[in-house]
C-alpha atoms as a PDB file:
ATOM      1  CA  MET A   1       8.993  43.443   6.379  1.00  0.00           C
ATOM      2  CA  THR A   2       8.674  39.875   4.784  1.00  0.00           C
ATOM      3  CA  GLU A   3       5.731  37.565   5.012  1.00  0.00           C
ATOM      4  CA  PRO A   4       5.797  34.822   7.461  1.00  0.00           C
ATOM      5  CA  VAL A   5       6.506  31.565   5.546  1.00  0.00           C
ATOM      6  CA  SER A   6       4.024  28.998   6.344  1.00  0.00           C
ATOM      7  CA  PRO A   7       5.464  25.462   6.724  1.00  0.00           C
ATOM      8  CA  PRO A   8       4.995  23.261   3.938  1.00  0.00           C
ATOM      9  CA  SER A   9       2.036  20.879   3.899  1.00  0.00           C
ATOM     10  CA  PRO A  10       2.773  17.431   5.210  1.00  0.00           C
ATOM     11  CA  THR A  11       2.740  14.686   2.415  1.00  0.00           C
ATOM     12  CA  ALA A  12       2.761  10.941   2.370  1.00  0.00           C
ATOM     13  CA  ARG A  13       3.007   8.384  -0.156  1.00  0.00           C
ATOM     14  CA  VAL A  14       0.268   5.628  -0.172  1.00  0.00           C
ATOM     15  CA  ALA A  15      -0.068   2.465  -2.078  1.00  0.00           C
ATOM     16  CA  ILE A  16      -3.569   1.619  -3.254  1.00  0.00           C
ATOM     17  CA  GLY A  17      -4.414  -1.765  -4.285  1.00  0.00           C
ATOM     18  CA  THR A  18      -6.791  -1.402  -7.228  1.00  0.00           C
ATOM     19  CA  HIS A  19      -7.421  -3.238 -10.453  1.00  0.00           C
ATOM     20  CA  SER A  20      -9.396  -0.479 -12.125  1.00  0.00           C
ATOM     21  CA  GLY A  21      -8.107   2.619 -10.327  1.00  0.00           C
ATOM     22  CA  VAL A  22     -11.948   3.284  -9.352  1.00  0.00           C
ATOM     23  CA  ARG A  23     -12.179   1.376  -6.455  1.00  0.00           C
ATOM     24  CA  VAL A  24     -10.171  -0.278  -3.785  1.00  0.00           C
ATOM     25  CA  SER A  25     -10.335  -3.808  -4.955  1.00  0.00           C
ATOM     26  CA  GLU A  26      -7.178  -5.882  -4.412  1.00  0.00           C
ATOM     27  CA  HIS A  27      -6.315  -8.155  -1.622  1.00  0.00           C
ATOM     28  CA  PHE A  28      -2.669  -7.540  -0.737  1.00  0.00           C
ATOM     29  CA  GLY A  29      -1.424 -11.005  -1.581  1.00  0.00           C
ATOM     30  CA  TYR A  30      -3.116 -10.961  -5.014  1.00  0.00           C
ATOM     31  CA  ALA A  31      -2.769  -7.454  -6.119  1.00  0.00           C
ATOM     32  CA  THR A  32      -1.282  -7.218  -9.510  1.00  0.00           C
ATOM     33  CA  ARG A  33      -0.912  -3.444  -9.358  1.00  0.00           C
ATOM     34  CA  PHE A  34      -0.696  -0.634  -6.725  1.00  0.00           C
ATOM     35  CA  GLU A  35      -1.369   3.116  -7.467  1.00  0.00           C
ATOM     36  CA  ILE A  36       1.155   5.272  -5.730  1.00  0.00           C
ATOM     37  CA  TRP A  37      -0.273   8.414  -4.497  1.00  0.00           C
ATOM     38  CA  GLU A  38       1.053  11.426  -2.877  1.00  0.00           C
ATOM     39  CA  VAL A  39      -1.361  12.471  -0.079  1.00  0.00           C
ATOM     40  CA  ALA A  40      -1.622  15.547   1.456  1.00  0.00           C
ATOM     41  CA  PRO A  41      -4.404  17.640   3.349  1.00  0.00           C
ATOM     42  CA  THR A  42      -4.007  20.490   0.695  1.00  0.00           C
ATOM     43  CA  GLY A  43      -4.511  17.956  -2.148  1.00  0.00           C
ATOM     44  CA  SER A  44      -3.301  14.725  -3.347  1.00  0.00           C
ATOM     45  CA  ARG A  45      -2.010  13.310  -6.831  1.00  0.00           C
ATOM     46  CA  LEU A  46      -1.331  10.140  -8.322  1.00  0.00           C
ATOM     47  CA  LEU A  47       2.369   9.550  -9.007  1.00  0.00           C
ATOM     48  CA  GLU A  48       2.618   6.369 -10.740  1.00  0.00           C
ATOM     49  CA  THR A  49       1.114   2.763 -11.049  1.00  0.00           C
ATOM     50  CA  ARG A  50       3.439  -0.089 -10.011  1.00  0.00           C
ATOM     51  CA  LEU A  51       2.816  -3.620 -11.280  1.00  0.00           C
ATOM     52  CA  ASN A  52       3.378  -6.476  -8.898  1.00  0.00           C
ATOM     53  CA  LYS A  53       3.558 -10.162  -9.196  1.00  0.00           C
ATOM     54  CA  PRO A  54       1.145 -11.514  -6.537  1.00  0.00           C
ATOM     55  CA  ALA A  55       2.338 -14.023  -3.907  1.00  0.00           C
ATOM     56  CA  CYS A  56      -0.837 -15.904  -3.511  1.00  0.00           C
ATOM     57  CA  ARG A  57      -0.898 -16.722  -7.096  1.00  0.00           C
ATOM     58  CA  SER A  58       2.309 -18.417  -6.970  1.00  0.00           C
ATOM     59  CA  ALA A  59       2.745 -22.309  -7.355  1.00  0.00           C
ATOM     60  CA  THR A  60       2.444 -22.731  -3.760  1.00  0.00           C
ATOM     61  CA  HIS A  61      -1.087 -21.835  -3.560  1.00  0.00           C
ATOM     62  CA  GLN A  62      -1.896 -24.051  -6.468  1.00  0.00           C
ATOM     63  CA  PRO A  63      -3.282 -27.619  -6.133  1.00  0.00           C
ATOM     64  CA  GLY A  64      -0.779 -30.399  -6.115  1.00  0.00           C
ATOM     65  CA  THR A  65       2.167 -28.049  -5.263  1.00  0.00           C
ATOM     66  CA  ARG A  66       5.041 -30.122  -3.767  1.00  0.00           C
ATOM     67  CA  VAL A  67       6.169 -29.644  -0.129  1.00  0.00           C
ATOM     68  CA  GLY A  68       9.137 -27.451  -0.317  1.00  0.00           C
ATOM     69  CA  ASP A  69       8.033 -24.849  -2.991  1.00  0.00           C
ATOM     70  CA  GLU A  70       6.891 -22.583  -0.164  1.00  0.00           C
ATOM     71  CA  GLY A  71      10.020 -20.361  -0.549  1.00  0.00           C
ATOM     72  CA  HIS A  72       8.814 -19.068  -3.851  1.00  0.00           C
ATOM     73  CA  ALA A  73       5.705 -17.490  -2.250  1.00  0.00           C
ATOM     74  CA  ASP A  74       7.709 -16.080   0.488  1.00  0.00           C
ATOM     75  CA  GLU A  75      10.125 -14.534  -1.954  1.00  0.00           C
ATOM     76  CA  LEU A  76       7.102 -13.097  -3.924  1.00  0.00           C
ATOM     77  CA  MET A  77       5.712 -11.690  -0.829  1.00  0.00           C
ATOM     78  CA  GLU A  78       9.072  -9.971   0.210  1.00  0.00           C
ATOM     79  CA  ALA A  79       9.120  -8.523  -3.384  1.00  0.00           C
ATOM     80  CA  SER A  80       5.380  -7.183  -2.703  1.00  0.00           C
ATOM     81  CA  VAL A  81       6.197  -5.673   0.382  1.00  0.00           C
ATOM     82  CA  ALA A  82       9.396  -4.160  -1.205  1.00  0.00           C
ATOM     83  CA  SER A  83       7.626  -2.571  -3.728  1.00  0.00           C
ATOM     84  CA  VAL A  84       5.571  -0.529  -1.455  1.00  0.00           C
ATOM     85  CA  SER A  85       8.359   0.009   1.211  1.00  0.00           C
ATOM     86  CA  ASP A  86       8.660   3.840   0.218  1.00  0.00           C
ATOM     87  CA  CYS A  87       5.138   4.237   1.247  1.00  0.00           C
ATOM     88  CA  ARG A  88       3.724   5.349   4.629  1.00  0.00           C
ATOM     89  CA  ALA A  89       0.408   3.276   4.018  1.00  0.00           C
ATOM     90  CA  VAL A  90      -1.100   0.664   2.056  1.00  0.00           C
ATOM     91  CA  VAL A  91      -4.827   0.476   1.329  1.00  0.00           C
ATOM     92  CA  VAL A  92      -6.345  -2.677   0.109  1.00  0.00           C
ATOM     93  CA  ALA A  93      -9.747  -4.632   0.185  1.00  0.00           C
ATOM     94  CA  LYS A  94      -7.998  -7.319   2.322  1.00  0.00           C
ATOM     95  CA  ILE A  95      -4.645  -8.227   3.827  1.00  0.00           C
ATOM     96  CA  GLY A  96      -3.434 -11.294   5.603  1.00  0.00           C
ATOM     97  CA  GLU A  97      -1.497 -11.565   8.774  1.00  0.00           C
ATOM     98  CA  CYS A  98       1.722 -12.386   6.976  1.00  0.00           C
ATOM     99  CA  ALA A  99       1.745  -9.271   4.798  1.00  0.00           C
ATOM    100  CA  LEU A 100       0.476  -7.241   7.680  1.00  0.00           C
ATOM    101  CA  THR A 101       3.268  -8.424  10.179  1.00  0.00           C
ATOM    102  CA  ARG A 102       5.894  -7.455   7.348  1.00  0.00           C
ATOM    103  CA  LEU A 103       4.386  -4.067   6.732  1.00  0.00           C
ATOM    104  CA  ASP A 104       4.141  -3.196  10.201  1.00  0.00           C
ATOM    105  CA  HIS A 105       7.894  -4.296  10.723  1.00  0.00           C
ATOM    106  CA  LEU A 106       8.758  -1.513   8.356  1.00  0.00           C
ATOM    107  CA  GLY A 107       6.316   1.080  10.170  1.00  0.00           C
ATOM    108  CA  ILE A 108       3.905   1.001   7.115  1.00  0.00           C
ATOM    109  CA  LEU A 109       0.177   1.463   8.077  1.00  0.00           C
ATOM    110  CA  ALA A 110      -2.349  -0.954   6.538  1.00  0.00           C
ATOM    111  CA  PHE A 111      -6.052  -0.247   5.912  1.00  0.00           C
ATOM    112  CA  GLU A 112      -8.769  -2.349   4.622  1.00  0.00           C
ATOM    113  CA  THR A 113     -11.744  -0.804   2.435  1.00  0.00           C
ATOM    114  CA  GLU A 114     -13.497  -1.349  -0.681  1.00  0.00           C
ATOM    115  CA  ASP A 115     -14.254   2.430  -1.129  1.00  0.00           C
ATOM    116  CA  PRO A 116     -13.717   4.326  -4.218  1.00  0.00           C
ATOM    117  CA  VAL A 117     -10.034   5.337  -4.641  1.00  0.00           C
ATOM    118  CA  ASP A 118     -10.777   9.287  -4.763  1.00  0.00           C
ATOM    119  CA  GLN A 119     -13.006   8.926  -1.455  1.00  0.00           C
ATOM    120  CA  THR A 120     -10.098   7.021   0.374  1.00  0.00           C
ATOM    121  CA  VAL A 121      -7.408   9.459  -0.785  1.00  0.00           C
ATOM    122  CA  ARG A 122      -9.764  12.401   0.658  1.00  0.00           C
ATOM    123  CA  GLU A 123     -10.133  10.511   3.877  1.00  0.00           C
ATOM    124  CA  LEU A 124      -6.578   9.693   4.218  1.00  0.00           C
ATOM    125  CA  ALA A 125      -5.429  13.450   3.633  1.00  0.00           C
ATOM    126  CA  GLN A 126      -7.651  14.068   6.895  1.00  0.00           C
ATOM    127  CA  PHE A 127      -5.933  11.361   8.909  1.00  0.00           C
ATOM    128  CA  PRO A 128      -3.194  13.044  11.267  1.00  0.00           C
ATOM    129  CA  GLY A 129      -1.628   9.713  11.889  1.00  0.00           C
ATOM    130  CA  LEU A 130      -0.700   9.400   8.104  1.00  0.00           C
ATOM    131  CA  PHE A 131       1.384  12.222   8.634  1.00  0.00           C
ATOM    132  CA  GLU A 132       3.169  11.493  11.992  1.00  0.00           C
ATOM    133  CA  ARG A 133       6.805  10.473  11.770  1.00  0.00           C
ATOM    134  CA  HIS A 134       7.240   6.662  12.150  1.00  0.00           C
ATOM    135  CA  VAL A 135      10.388   4.499  13.058  1.00  0.00           C
ATOM    136  CA  ALA A 136      10.847   1.363  11.243  1.00  0.00           C
END
């Protein structure tokens, strides 16, 4: 008689905005990097670090910007959202309405905290909503 096979532990990819890798520290619009974690109730692991070109540091947010330059910031915001589009959630220190709306449209959860990354990952692993199927 064979042993029953337990279903595999659910996993989810999570993008964490962190400058140092120690604390969640980046505002989504200013994030220069995201750590991509595979989070599971049975354990989590860092998969990669993705560099990002922040939308809020673009020319449109600098003094003396000409009217009509807003498109560049929109392109950078779209690129930031696309860089985490394979994730189920994003965790950052702060997130603006523009980014939040774009992530929500893709079915990506967004969380704000300034907690340590390891604590954040542990807490997310215990959040059942992270592993629920989502429809974008």
